[in-house]
């Protein structure tokens, strides 16, 4: 009897003990796993929304760039050959080159006033006529932006930009049209790649572009786009979806497309399922260790995930992408922290790239408008100015040098010549010459520039320090344009120094600044020009390359703008730094081509 009672008490004690331990364990484990799953799910949704937003921004930028290219190409001087039906095929050759250089997935056409194609990147389209209303509206002077539609000149569905082409010397006279068609397949690799399914859709749910594994029908697409939550759960089971609508982009009103992304719930929630399975295995090892295991599990999992959630929430509120989550363990939660940090870094990099692209596009728009204004002003002023100078020179011959009227004529002639020089600078800025690229010895170009400015250095009692690498590879560049750049920067450095200053000019091979978007596995050749002048205030670094910005009492303010344009055209970039002691440093970086001649040749001095 006593033995039976003892066994019963043992059993009851054991049951009570197991119940007392298991129930809190199950409750705690369920709460923990539920919170973890919810936090992770929210992070996945936020991450998917961020990625789709970046897809949308990149899509808007690419379509806007297509439109901008069409507008720019319609203004090319060669487009005037439309008047003679492109007899010498100059327009067609340029179109083929543009298609190749810009990797255009589509075709470019030039039409005359009859709507007939006279030039094209696709020879089979030449001679065809289009009588659609959009052609007539374009030839009447209206720019047309057409959403995805079947091509009337090629095959498949395309987006089109039709731009009126005006006469070279009569901007009010339309002589034809340029039509740029793109099937956007080039976007598929860059926009729709990755571990999610994504697509681009019109207002009516028609597919513009979609990844190969896109899982949803048109009805589901419309429900996603319209935010129909209840219906969406039935149409997209097993997927987490996010969408972003494309809007206006600068002066482009856009097509109103929607970018939609979908991630598989099974794949997205795999880490939390792994954690659940691990928790169950640990729980079965032994009840005696349950509290210790829960404590370890909580410290390893709850805290990192809470930290991850708080970090993500802080990033969402402050947009501070410099924050990182510490890896607290080597298991799946640690992998999740690494994945989160990687995702934050990628988002930050993409945001920086988008901002940089926006800045470059704004700067390109300003430079384009300024170039047109400068070219027009120079054209209108140069001829009358030449007549003034010629007349002053003729009148000057009639007077003696001591005669006041003769001196006045001399001043008029000299000032007219100075203004003509400024107009030439305007024209060089507005229409820079295309670079003539050839393998060049950078040291030779630098020494040639220093030889020219030698008298100026001597006149200003300025010491020259030349530092050059004796083993520089040849660089594919335009030596004459680079020579012009060096002369411009060196003259500015000389003018910034008092007598007795020091000018240091160095040339060497470097890896290049890692922060720049221009990449070169073979590295760069750096030309560094350092003076000991007053220096440039840091707050003015962003202004010195702006057209017409100058701190000198004389000068047009175009020197450094032309420098930057030339170096950009040569595929490089220019940086400026303020020296710790005094003066400024200008660094010119020219990229080396991997596997080219400039990898094998060493120049000698």
Protein backbone atom coordinates (compact mmCIF):
# COMPACT_ATOMS: atom_id res chain seq x y z
CA UNK A 1 0.00 0.00 0.00
CA UNK A 2 2.72 2.42 1.00
CA UNK A 3 4.70 1.43 -2.04
CA UNK A 4 1.64 2.03 -4.18
CA UNK A 5 1.13 5.48 -2.63
CA UNK A 6 4.83 6.24 -3.06
CA UNK A 7 4.67 5.36 -6.73
CA UNK A 8 1.49 7.40 -7.10
CA UNK A 9 3.13 10.42 -5.46
CA UNK A 10 6.16 10.01 -7.63
CA UNK A 11 3.95 9.85 -10.67
CA UNK A 12 1.89 12.81 -9.52
CA UNK A 13 5.00 14.76 -8.56
CA UNK A 14 6.56 13.92 -11.89
CA UNK A 15 3.38 14.91 -13.71
CA UNK A 16 3.08 18.15 -11.76
CA UNK A 17 6.77 18.88 -12.32
CA UNK A 18 6.50 18.13 -16.03
CA UNK A 19 3.29 20.18 -16.26
CA UNK A 20 4.84 23.05 -14.31
CA UNK A 21 7.84 23.04 -16.59
CA UNK A 22 6.26 22.17 -19.93
CA UNK A 23 3.37 24.59 -19.79
CA UNK A 24 5.57 27.69 -19.23
CA UNK A 25 8.03 26.29 -21.75
CA UNK A 26 5.32 25.82 -24.37
CA UNK A 27 3.82 29.23 -23.62
CA UNK A 28 7.20 30.98 -23.66
CA UNK A 29 8.34 29.09 -26.74
CA UNK A 30 5.09 29.81 -28.58
CA UNK A 31 5.23 33.49 -27.66
CA UNK A 32 8.87 33.74 -28.61
CA UNK A 33 8.46 31.96 -31.92
CA UNK A 34 5.33 33.95 -32.75
CA UNK A 35 7.08 37.24 -32.02
CA UNK A 36 10.12 36.17 -34.00
CA UNK A 37 8.02 35.12 -36.95
CA UNK A 38 6.06 38.36 -36.88
CA UNK A 39 9.20 40.50 -36.63
CA UNK A 40 10.91 38.57 -39.41
CA UNK A 41 7.81 38.69 -41.57
CA UNK A 42 7.58 42.46 -41.14
CA UNK A 43 11.26 42.83 -42.02
CA UNK A 44 10.76 40.74 -45.15
CA UNK A 45 7.76 42.85 -46.17
CA UNK A 46 9.67 46.09 -45.53
CA UNK A 47 12.67 44.78 -47.44
CA UNK A 48 10.49 43.71 -50.37
CA UNK A 49 8.79 47.13 -50.43
CA UNK A 50 12.19 48.82 -50.42
CA UNK A 51 13.51 46.67 -53.28
CA UNK A 52 10.41 47.24 -55.39
CA UNK A 53 10.68 50.98 -54.71
CA UNK A 54 14.26 50.89 -55.95
CA UNK A 55 13.15 48.89 -59.02
CA UNK A 56 10.56 51.61 -59.70
CA UNK A 57 13.11 54.42 -59.32
CA UNK A 58 15.56 52.70 -61.64
CA UNK A 59 12.77 52.05 -64.18
CA UNK A 60 11.71 55.73 -64.14
CA UNK A 61 15.32 56.80 -64.63
CA UNK A 62 15.87 54.40 -67.54
CA UNK A 63 12.67 55.40 -69.38
CA UNK A 64 13.42 59.09 -68.76
CA UNK A 65 16.91 58.51 -70.16
CA UNK A 66 15.43 56.95 -73.32
CA UNK A 67 13.21 59.99 -73.73
CA UNK A 68 16.11 62.38 -73.10
CA UNK A 69 18.26 60.55 -75.65
CA UNK A 70 15.50 60.83 -78.26
CA UNK A 71 15.19 64.58 -77.66
CA UNK A 72 18.98 65.06 -77.84
CA UNK A 73 19.36 62.96 -81.00
CA UNK A 74 16.57 64.87 -82.74
CA UNK A 75 18.65 68.03 -82.32
CA UNK A 76 21.76 66.62 -84.04
CA UNK A 77 22.94 68.71 -87.01
CA UNK A 78 22.99 65.61 -89.21
CA UNK A 79 19.19 65.36 -88.93
CA UNK A 80 18.99 68.14 -91.54
CA UNK A 81 19.80 65.39 -94.10
CA UNK A 82 16.12 64.39 -93.81
CA UNK A 83 15.51 67.14 -96.38
CA UNK A 84 17.50 65.12 -98.97
CA UNK A 85 16.16 61.71 -97.82
CA UNK A 86 19.54 60.87 -96.24
CA UNK A 87 21.13 60.22 -99.62
CA UNK A 88 24.62 59.65 -98.21
CA UNK A 89 23.21 57.43 -95.35
CA UNK A 90 24.84 59.63 -92.69
CA UNK A 91 21.79 59.51 -90.44
CA UNK A 92 21.45 55.73 -90.72
CA UNK A 93 25.12 55.23 -89.87
CA UNK A 94 24.81 57.47 -86.81
CA UNK A 95 21.64 55.64 -85.73
CA UNK A 96 23.44 52.29 -85.93
CA UNK A 97 26.30 53.69 -83.85
CA UNK A 98 23.91 55.12 -81.24
CA UNK A 99 22.06 51.82 -81.00
CA UNK A 100 25.34 49.98 -80.47
CA UNK A 101 26.92 52.49 -78.08
CA UNK A 102 23.80 52.93 -75.93
CA UNK A 103 22.93 49.20 -76.09
CA UNK A 104 19.44 50.13 -77.25
CA UNK A 105 17.02 47.20 -77.39
CA UNK A 106 14.93 48.69 -80.18
CA UNK A 107 15.29 50.82 -83.29
CA UNK A 108 15.63 54.50 -84.26
CA UNK A 109 13.86 55.97 -87.28
CA UNK A 110 13.91 59.30 -89.12
CA UNK A 111 10.78 60.29 -91.10
CA UNK A 112 10.23 63.03 -93.62
CA UNK A 113 7.12 65.20 -93.77
CA UNK A 114 5.30 62.49 -95.78
CA UNK A 115 5.64 60.03 -92.88
CA UNK A 116 8.10 57.91 -94.84
CA UNK A 117 11.17 56.44 -93.13
CA UNK A 118 14.28 57.88 -94.82
CA UNK A 119 16.86 56.62 -92.31
CA UNK A 120 16.93 53.93 -89.62
CA UNK A 121 19.14 51.70 -87.51
CA UNK A 122 17.11 48.89 -89.16
CA UNK A 123 17.76 49.00 -92.96
CA UNK A 124 14.58 46.98 -93.64
CA UNK A 125 12.40 49.84 -92.34
CA UNK A 126 13.74 52.46 -94.78
CA UNK A 127 11.11 53.43 -97.34
CA UNK A 128 8.13 52.35 -95.23
CA UNK A 129 5.38 54.88 -94.51
CA UNK A 130 3.25 55.34 -91.38
CA UNK A 131 -0.03 57.25 -91.57
CA UNK A 132 -1.06 57.01 -87.92
CA UNK A 133 -2.37 60.07 -86.09
CA UNK A 134 0.69 60.23 -83.82
CA UNK A 135 2.91 60.70 -86.88
CA UNK A 136 0.83 63.61 -88.12
CA UNK A 137 0.82 65.20 -84.66
CA UNK A 138 4.60 64.85 -84.41
CA UNK A 139 5.12 66.35 -87.86
CA UNK A 140 2.90 69.20 -86.72
CA UNK A 141 5.44 69.96 -83.96
CA UNK A 142 4.15 67.91 -81.00
CA UNK A 143 6.40 65.51 -79.04
CA UNK A 144 4.64 62.15 -78.57
CA UNK A 145 5.27 59.74 -75.67
CA UNK A 146 3.53 56.41 -76.31
CA UNK A 147 2.91 53.67 -73.78
CA UNK A 148 3.58 50.01 -74.60
CA UNK A 149 2.00 49.18 -77.98
CA UNK A 150 2.61 46.98 -81.05
CA UNK A 151 5.36 48.45 -83.22
CA UNK A 152 4.22 49.81 -86.59
CA UNK A 153 7.74 49.74 -88.00
CA UNK A 154 9.28 46.69 -86.33
CA UNK A 155 8.05 43.65 -84.39
CA UNK A 156 6.74 43.07 -80.89
CA UNK A 157 5.52 45.54 -78.30
CA UNK A 158 7.48 48.74 -77.68
CA UNK A 159 7.35 52.10 -76.00
CA UNK A 160 7.93 54.98 -78.40
CA UNK A 161 9.09 58.58 -78.28
CA UNK A 162 8.43 60.65 -81.41
CA UNK A 163 10.30 63.96 -81.50
CA UNK A 164 9.81 66.70 -84.15
CA UNK A 165 12.98 67.56 -86.07
CA UNK A 166 13.34 71.24 -86.91
CA UNK A 167 15.41 73.01 -89.54
CA UNK A 168 18.99 73.76 -88.54
CA UNK A 169 18.64 77.53 -88.91
CA UNK A 170 14.87 77.83 -88.43
CA UNK A 171 13.66 76.32 -85.15
CA UNK A 172 10.02 77.03 -86.02
CA UNK A 173 10.10 74.91 -89.17
CA UNK A 174 9.53 71.16 -88.79
CA UNK A 175 11.32 69.07 -91.44
CA UNK A 176 10.57 65.58 -90.12
CA UNK A 177 10.54 63.42 -87.01
CA UNK A 178 12.79 61.11 -85.01
CA UNK A 179 11.13 58.01 -83.56
CA UNK A 180 12.82 55.96 -80.85
CA UNK A 181 11.28 52.54 -80.16
CA UNK A 182 12.42 50.31 -77.28
CA UNK A 183 11.09 46.89 -76.34
CA UNK A 184 12.65 47.34 -72.87
CA UNK A 185 14.09 43.82 -72.85
CA UNK A 186 17.37 45.35 -71.70
CA UNK A 187 15.65 46.14 -68.39
CA UNK A 188 14.92 42.50 -67.69
CA UNK A 189 18.42 41.57 -66.58
CA UNK A 190 19.01 44.69 -64.47
CA UNK A 191 15.53 45.29 -63.01
CA UNK A 192 13.94 41.86 -62.78
CA UNK A 193 16.89 39.79 -61.59
CA UNK A 194 17.30 38.44 -58.07
CA UNK A 195 15.59 36.05 -55.68
CA UNK A 196 12.07 37.43 -56.21
CA UNK A 197 9.60 37.39 -59.06
CA UNK A 198 8.88 40.87 -60.43
CA UNK A 199 7.02 42.53 -63.26
CA UNK A 200 6.07 45.88 -64.77
CA UNK A 201 2.39 46.43 -65.68
CA UNK A 202 0.16 49.10 -67.24
CA UNK A 203 -2.95 50.66 -65.65
CA UNK A 204 -5.10 48.00 -67.32
CA UNK A 205 -2.98 45.14 -66.02
CA UNK A 206 -1.20 44.44 -69.31
CA UNK A 207 2.34 43.12 -68.94
CA UNK A 208 5.13 45.48 -69.98
CA UNK A 209 7.89 43.19 -68.76
CA UNK A 210 7.97 40.31 -66.27
CA UNK A 211 10.40 37.73 -64.96
CA UNK A 212 10.15 34.26 -66.47
CA UNK A 213 8.56 32.74 -63.38
CA UNK A 214 5.87 35.41 -62.84
CA UNK A 215 3.12 33.50 -60.98
CA UNK A 216 0.00 35.71 -61.23
CA UNK A 217 -2.73 36.28 -63.80
CA UNK A 218 -4.09 39.66 -64.88
CA UNK A 219 -6.85 39.64 -62.22
CA UNK A 220 -4.31 39.21 -59.45
CA UNK A 221 -2.16 41.99 -60.92
CA UNK A 222 -5.12 44.40 -60.86
CA UNK A 223 -5.95 43.41 -57.27
CA UNK A 224 -2.34 44.00 -56.19
CA UNK A 225 -2.27 47.36 -57.98
CA UNK A 226 -5.59 48.48 -56.47
CA UNK A 227 -4.78 47.20 -52.97
CA UNK A 228 -7.79 44.82 -52.76
CA UNK A 229 -6.70 43.01 -49.59
CA UNK A 230 -9.44 40.36 -49.14
CA UNK A 231 -9.45 39.31 -52.76
CA UNK A 232 -5.67 39.40 -52.89
CA UNK A 233 -5.30 36.61 -50.29
CA UNK A 234 -7.27 34.24 -52.52
CA UNK A 235 -5.45 35.24 -55.72
CA UNK A 236 -1.88 35.18 -54.36
CA UNK A 237 -1.72 32.31 -51.81
CA UNK A 238 1.77 31.47 -50.59
CA UNK A 239 3.32 34.78 -51.69
CA UNK A 240 4.31 38.06 -50.08
CA UNK A 241 3.67 40.89 -52.54
CA UNK A 242 4.69 44.54 -52.80
CA UNK A 243 4.05 47.20 -55.44
CA UNK A 244 5.21 50.70 -56.36
CA UNK A 245 3.57 53.03 -58.88
CA UNK A 246 5.63 54.89 -61.42
CA UNK A 247 4.92 58.61 -61.52
CA UNK A 248 6.15 61.75 -63.22
CA UNK A 249 9.94 62.15 -63.54
CA UNK A 250 11.07 65.77 -63.94
CA UNK A 251 9.25 67.08 -67.04
CA UNK A 252 8.20 63.57 -68.14
CA UNK A 253 4.66 62.77 -67.06
CA UNK A 254 5.36 59.02 -67.15
CA UNK A 255 3.20 56.09 -68.29
CA UNK A 256 1.64 55.28 -64.91
CA UNK A 257 3.17 51.80 -64.77
CA UNK A 258 3.21 49.68 -61.63
CA UNK A 259 6.17 47.57 -60.49
CA UNK A 260 5.09 44.45 -58.55
CA UNK A 261 7.30 42.00 -56.68
CA UNK A 262 6.43 38.65 -55.12
CA UNK A 263 8.46 36.51 -52.71
CA UNK A 264 7.59 32.93 -51.78
CA UNK A 265 6.46 32.65 -48.17
CA UNK A 266 8.05 29.21 -47.89
CA UNK A 267 11.48 30.54 -48.87
CA UNK A 268 11.08 33.80 -46.93
CA UNK A 269 10.07 32.08 -43.71
CA UNK A 270 12.57 29.22 -43.96
CA UNK A 271 14.90 30.74 -41.30
CA UNK A 272 12.13 30.95 -38.70
CA UNK A 273 11.05 27.37 -39.45
CA UNK A 274 14.64 26.28 -38.89
CA UNK A 275 14.60 28.06 -35.54
CA UNK A 276 11.32 26.34 -34.64
CA UNK A 277 12.70 22.91 -35.44
CA UNK A 278 15.87 23.61 -33.45
CA UNK A 279 13.77 24.71 -30.47
CA UNK A 280 11.76 21.49 -30.50
CA UNK A 281 14.91 19.33 -30.67
CA UNK A 282 16.49 21.26 -27.80
CA UNK A 283 13.28 20.93 -25.77
CA UNK A 284 13.29 17.13 -26.06
CA UNK A 285 16.86 16.74 -24.74
CA UNK A 286 15.66 16.95 -21.20
CA UNK A 287 13.19 18.74 -18.97
CA UNK A 288 15.90 19.28 -16.34
CA UNK A 289 17.71 21.60 -18.73
CA UNK A 290 14.66 23.33 -20.12
CA UNK A 291 15.02 26.62 -18.26
CA UNK A 292 18.68 26.89 -19.11
CA UNK A 293 17.99 26.12 -22.75
CA UNK A 294 15.17 28.68 -22.85
CA UNK A 295 17.45 31.27 -21.29
CA UNK A 296 20.22 30.53 -23.82
CA UNK A 297 17.76 30.45 -26.66
CA UNK A 298 16.25 33.76 -25.56
CA UNK A 299 19.65 35.44 -25.25
CA UNK A 300 20.69 34.08 -28.63
CA UNK A 301 17.50 34.68 -30.55
CA UNK A 302 15.09 37.11 -28.93
CA UNK A 303 17.66 39.79 -28.26
CA UNK A 304 19.25 39.76 -31.74
CA UNK A 305 15.87 39.75 -33.45
CA UNK A 306 14.63 42.52 -31.16
CA UNK A 307 17.80 44.47 -31.93
CA UNK A 308 17.28 43.77 -35.62
CA UNK A 309 13.66 44.95 -35.39
CA UNK A 310 14.62 48.09 -33.46
CA UNK A 311 17.43 48.82 -35.92
CA UNK A 312 15.11 48.36 -38.87
CA UNK A 313 12.49 50.60 -37.24
CA UNK A 314 15.16 53.24 -36.54
CA UNK A 315 16.37 53.06 -40.15
CA UNK A 316 12.79 53.39 -41.42
CA UNK A 317 12.23 56.50 -39.29
CA UNK A 318 15.62 58.23 -39.66
CA UNK A 319 16.83 56.89 -43.05
CA UNK A 320 20.22 56.35 -41.38
CA UNK A 321 21.67 53.37 -43.26
CA UNK A 322 24.98 53.47 -41.41
CA UNK A 323 23.58 51.34 -38.54
CA UNK A 324 24.54 47.66 -38.32
CA UNK A 325 23.24 44.70 -36.28
CA UNK A 326 25.91 42.83 -34.32
CA UNK A 327 26.22 39.12 -35.05
CA UNK A 328 25.45 37.52 -31.69
CA UNK A 329 25.69 33.87 -32.77
CA UNK A 330 26.86 31.60 -35.56
CA UNK A 331 23.48 29.97 -36.20
CA UNK A 332 20.60 31.00 -38.45
CA UNK A 333 19.89 34.10 -36.37
CA UNK A 334 23.48 35.23 -36.92
CA UNK A 335 23.06 34.53 -40.63
CA UNK A 336 19.88 36.61 -40.52
CA UNK A 337 21.80 39.50 -38.93
CA UNK A 338 24.45 39.24 -41.67
CA UNK A 339 21.75 39.10 -44.32
CA UNK A 340 20.04 42.14 -42.82
CA UNK A 341 23.31 44.08 -42.71
CA UNK A 342 24.00 43.10 -46.31
CA UNK A 343 20.50 44.17 -47.33
CA UNK A 344 20.91 47.56 -45.59
CA UNK A 345 24.25 48.05 -47.33
CA UNK A 346 22.76 47.18 -50.72
CA UNK A 347 19.82 49.54 -50.17
CA UNK A 348 22.19 52.32 -49.13
CA UNK A 349 24.35 51.72 -52.19
CA UNK A 350 21.33 51.76 -54.51
CA UNK A 351 19.97 54.93 -52.91
CA UNK A 352 23.34 56.61 -53.32
CA UNK A 353 23.45 55.54 -56.96
CA UNK A 354 19.93 56.85 -57.61
CA UNK A 355 20.77 60.19 -55.96
CA UNK A 356 23.98 60.41 -57.96
CA UNK A 357 22.09 59.65 -61.17
CA UNK A 358 19.52 62.31 -60.32
CA UNK A 359 22.29 64.85 -59.67
CA UNK A 360 24.03 63.96 -62.94
CA UNK A 361 20.79 64.22 -64.90
CA UNK A 362 20.01 67.61 -63.36
CA UNK A 363 23.54 68.77 -64.14
CA UNK A 364 23.27 67.40 -67.68
CA UNK A 365 20.00 69.30 -68.20
CA UNK A 366 21.59 72.52 -66.94
CA UNK A 367 24.68 72.08 -69.10
CA UNK A 368 22.55 71.25 -72.15
CA UNK A 369 20.43 74.37 -71.76
CA UNK A 370 23.50 76.46 -71.03
CA UNK A 371 25.27 75.04 -74.06
CA UNK A 372 22.35 75.92 -76.33
CA UNK A 373 22.20 79.43 -74.91
CA UNK A 374 25.98 79.91 -75.28
CA UNK A 375 26.00 78.62 -78.85
CA UNK A 376 23.08 80.84 -79.81
CA UNK A 377 24.58 83.90 -78.19
CA UNK A 378 27.98 83.29 -79.77
CA UNK A 379 26.40 82.84 -83.20
CA UNK A 380 24.39 86.04 -82.91
CA UNK A 381 27.21 88.18 -81.50
CA UNK A 382 30.32 86.93 -83.27
CA UNK A 383 29.56 88.26 -86.77
CA UNK A 384 28.63 91.83 -85.67
CA UNK A 385 31.65 91.80 -83.36
CA UNK A 386 33.91 90.87 -86.26
CA UNK A 387 32.49 93.75 -88.31
CA UNK A 388 33.15 96.14 -85.40
CA UNK A 389 36.77 95.00 -85.13
CA UNK A 390 37.33 95.24 -88.89
CA UNK A 391 35.80 98.72 -89.01
CA UNK A 392 37.94 99.85 -86.05
CA UNK A 393 41.09 98.48 -87.74
CA UNK A 394 40.25 100.37 -90.95
CA UNK A 395 39.55 103.62 -89.09
CA UNK A 396 42.73 103.21 -87.01
CA UNK A 397 44.83 103.40 -90.18
CA UNK A 398 43.45 106.85 -90.94
CA UNK A 399 44.72 108.36 -87.70
CA UNK A 400 48.12 108.99 -86.25
CA UNK A 401 49.03 106.89 -83.19
CA UNK A 402 49.08 110.02 -81.03
CA UNK A 403 45.67 111.15 -82.22
CA UNK A 404 42.98 110.54 -79.53
CA UNK A 405 40.60 109.12 -82.14
CA UNK A 406 43.28 106.70 -83.31
CA UNK A 407 43.85 105.56 -79.72
CA UNK A 408 40.10 105.09 -79.33
CA UNK A 409 39.99 102.93 -82.47
CA UNK A 410 42.86 100.84 -81.07
CA UNK A 411 40.98 100.28 -77.78
CA UNK A 412 37.81 99.28 -79.71
CA UNK A 413 39.81 96.79 -81.81
CA UNK A 414 41.55 95.25 -78.78
CA UNK A 415 38.33 94.93 -76.77
CA UNK A 416 36.56 93.39 -79.75
CA UNK A 417 39.37 90.85 -80.04
CA UNK A 418 39.12 90.06 -76.31
CA UNK A 419 35.35 89.55 -76.60
CA UNK A 420 35.91 87.29 -79.59
CA UNK A 421 38.17 85.16 -77.40
CA UNK A 422 35.43 84.89 -74.76
CA UNK A 423 32.94 83.87 -77.46
CA UNK A 424 35.36 81.17 -78.63
CA UNK A 425 35.43 79.86 -75.05
CA UNK A 426 31.61 79.81 -75.06
CA UNK A 427 31.61 77.80 -78.27
CA UNK A 428 34.18 75.32 -76.96
CA UNK A 429 32.01 74.87 -73.88
CA UNK A 430 28.76 74.56 -75.84
CA UNK A 431 30.11 72.24 -78.56
CA UNK A 432 33.24 70.47 -77.31
CA UNK A 433 35.20 68.64 -79.97
CA UNK A 434 34.98 64.85 -80.00
CA UNK A 435 38.14 63.29 -78.53
CA UNK A 436 40.64 61.67 -80.91
CA UNK A 437 41.67 58.73 -78.75
CA UNK A 438 45.04 57.05 -79.20
CA UNK A 439 47.57 55.31 -76.92
CA UNK A 440 49.42 58.20 -75.26
CA UNK A 441 52.42 58.69 -72.96
CA UNK A 442 51.04 60.72 -70.05
CA UNK A 443 54.48 61.86 -68.88
CA UNK A 444 55.19 63.26 -72.34
CA UNK A 445 51.90 65.24 -72.35
CA UNK A 446 52.57 66.60 -68.83
CA UNK A 447 56.14 67.64 -69.74
CA UNK A 448 54.92 69.35 -72.91
CA UNK A 449 52.44 71.41 -70.86
CA UNK A 450 55.11 72.32 -68.30
CA UNK A 451 57.44 73.44 -71.09
CA UNK A 452 54.81 75.88 -72.34
CA UNK A 453 54.22 77.44 -68.90
CA UNK A 454 57.96 77.57 -68.08
CA UNK A 455 58.22 81.32 -68.74
CA UNK A 456 55.23 81.98 -66.48
CA UNK A 457 56.83 79.96 -63.68
CA UNK A 458 60.08 81.88 -64.07
CA UNK A 459 58.27 85.20 -64.21
CA UNK A 460 56.42 84.46 -60.96
CA UNK A 461 59.54 83.04 -59.22
CA UNK A 462 57.63 79.77 -58.71
CA UNK A 463 59.53 76.58 -57.99
CA UNK A 464 58.48 73.51 -60.03
CA UNK A 465 58.63 70.07 -58.37
CA UNK A 466 58.13 67.26 -60.89
CA UNK A 467 57.30 63.81 -59.56
CA UNK A 468 56.66 61.13 -62.16
CA UNK A 469 56.67 57.37 -62.29
CA UNK A 470 59.17 56.04 -64.82
CA UNK A 471 56.95 53.05 -65.60
CA UNK A 472 53.58 54.39 -66.61
CA UNK A 473 51.51 52.37 -69.10
CA UNK A 474 50.16 54.02 -72.22
CA UNK A 475 46.64 55.41 -71.79
CA UNK A 476 43.98 55.48 -74.49
CA UNK A 477 43.13 59.20 -74.49
CA UNK A 478 43.25 62.38 -76.59
CA UNK A 479 46.67 63.94 -75.85
CA UNK A 480 45.69 67.34 -77.28
CA UNK A 481 42.57 67.65 -75.13
CA UNK A 482 44.50 66.42 -72.07
CA UNK A 483 47.20 69.01 -72.87
CA UNK A 484 44.50 71.72 -72.93
CA UNK A 485 43.21 70.53 -69.52
CA UNK A 486 46.68 70.58 -67.95
CA UNK A 487 47.45 74.08 -69.29
CA UNK A 488 44.16 75.37 -67.86
CA UNK A 489 44.70 73.91 -64.36
CA UNK A 490 48.41 74.84 -64.19
CA UNK A 491 47.73 78.46 -65.24
CA UNK A 492 45.04 78.67 -62.53
CA UNK A 493 47.54 77.32 -59.98
CA UNK A 494 50.19 79.86 -61.03
CA UNK A 495 47.70 82.72 -60.78
CA UNK A 496 46.66 81.54 -57.29
CA UNK A 497 50.21 81.77 -55.87
CA UNK A 498 52.33 84.65 -54.69
CA UNK A 499 55.97 84.94 -55.89
CA UNK A 500 58.11 82.24 -54.31
CA UNK A 501 55.40 79.59 -54.32
CA UNK A 502 55.83 75.92 -55.21
CA UNK A 503 54.01 74.02 -57.96
CA UNK A 504 54.12 70.22 -57.61
CA UNK A 505 53.09 68.07 -60.58
CA UNK A 506 53.03 64.28 -60.22
CA UNK A 507 51.97 61.37 -62.40
CA UNK A 508 51.60 57.80 -61.18
CA UNK A 509 49.56 54.63 -61.44
CA UNK A 510 46.95 54.14 -58.68
CA UNK A 511 43.96 51.95 -57.86
CA UNK A 512 41.72 55.04 -57.82
CA UNK A 513 39.19 56.34 -55.24
CA UNK A 514 36.87 53.52 -54.22
CA UNK A 515 33.95 55.90 -53.76
CA UNK A 516 33.73 56.79 -57.44
CA UNK A 517 31.19 55.00 -59.63
CA UNK A 518 33.78 54.70 -62.44
CA UNK A 519 35.41 51.30 -61.98
CA UNK A 520 38.59 50.00 -63.57
CA UNK A 521 40.08 46.65 -62.57
CA UNK A 522 43.34 47.70 -64.22
CA UNK A 523 43.49 50.90 -62.12
CA UNK A 524 44.03 54.53 -63.12
CA UNK A 525 46.77 56.93 -64.09
CA UNK A 526 46.64 59.89 -61.69
CA UNK A 527 47.93 63.36 -62.57
CA UNK A 528 48.16 65.49 -59.39
CA UNK A 529 48.69 69.27 -59.60
CA UNK A 530 49.31 70.96 -56.21
CA UNK A 531 49.92 74.65 -55.51
CA UNK A 532 50.77 76.63 -52.38
CA UNK A 533 48.26 79.40 -52.97
CA UNK A 534 45.42 80.60 -50.78
CA UNK A 535 43.41 77.46 -51.50
CA UNK A 536 39.74 76.94 -52.27
CA UNK A 537 37.22 76.97 -49.40
CA UNK A 538 35.69 73.51 -48.89
CA UNK A 539 32.16 74.93 -49.21
CA UNK A 540 32.98 76.05 -52.77
CA UNK A 541 34.20 72.64 -54.03
CA UNK A 542 30.77 71.88 -55.51
CA UNK A 543 30.68 75.26 -57.32
CA UNK A 544 34.08 75.56 -58.99
CA UNK A 545 33.11 73.32 -61.90
CA UNK A 546 29.86 75.23 -62.52
CA UNK A 547 29.86 77.33 -65.72
CA UNK A 548 30.58 81.07 -65.19
CA UNK A 549 31.60 80.58 -61.56
CA UNK A 550 34.88 82.39 -60.88
CA UNK A 551 36.61 84.24 -58.05
CA UNK A 552 38.81 86.23 -60.43
CA UNK A 553 38.08 89.78 -61.50
CA UNK A 554 38.70 88.75 -65.11
CA UNK A 555 37.87 85.58 -67.00
CA UNK A 556 34.72 83.89 -68.25
CA UNK A 557 34.45 81.26 -65.50
CA UNK A 558 34.34 78.47 -68.10
CA UNK A 559 37.87 77.10 -67.62
CA UNK A 560 37.15 74.40 -65.04
CA UNK A 561 33.76 73.62 -66.63
CA UNK A 562 35.57 72.86 -69.89
CA UNK A 563 38.14 70.83 -67.93
CA UNK A 564 35.45 68.66 -66.40
CA UNK A 565 33.65 68.23 -69.74
CA UNK A 566 36.85 67.14 -71.48
CA UNK A 567 37.84 64.67 -68.75
CA UNK A 568 34.30 63.26 -68.64
CA UNK A 569 34.48 62.79 -72.41
CA UNK A 570 37.77 60.91 -71.99
CA UNK A 571 36.13 58.49 -69.53
CA UNK A 572 37.85 59.85 -66.42
CA UNK A 573 37.04 62.21 -63.56
CA UNK A 574 38.51 65.16 -61.66
CA UNK A 575 38.78 65.59 -57.88
CA UNK A 576 39.85 68.64 -55.88
CA UNK A 577 41.18 68.69 -52.32
CA UNK A 578 42.30 71.40 -49.89
CA UNK A 579 45.83 70.83 -48.58
CA UNK A 580 46.22 70.66 -44.77
CA UNK A 581 48.82 73.44 -44.82
CA UNK A 582 47.93 75.67 -47.77
CA UNK A 583 46.93 75.59 -51.39
CA UNK A 584 44.81 73.17 -53.41
CA UNK A 585 45.30 69.90 -55.26
CA UNK A 586 43.60 68.87 -58.50
CA UNK A 587 43.72 65.14 -59.30
CA UNK A 588 42.92 63.86 -62.79
CA UNK A 589 42.15 60.13 -63.08
CA UNK A 590 42.22 58.35 -66.45
CA UNK A 591 41.12 54.67 -66.40
CA UNK A 592 43.33 51.89 -67.74
CA UNK A 593 41.79 49.21 -69.92
CA UNK A 594 42.13 45.66 -68.65
CA UNK A 595 44.05 43.46 -71.04
CA UNK A 596 44.80 46.36 -73.43
CA UNK A 597 48.05 47.85 -74.64
CA UNK A 598 48.25 50.10 -71.63
CA UNK A 599 48.68 47.05 -69.41
CA UNK A 600 51.86 45.88 -71.13
CA UNK A 601 53.72 49.03 -72.15
CA UNK A 602 56.02 50.94 -69.80
CA UNK A 603 56.98 54.45 -70.75
CA UNK A 604 60.50 55.67 -70.16
CA UNK A 605 61.80 59.11 -69.28
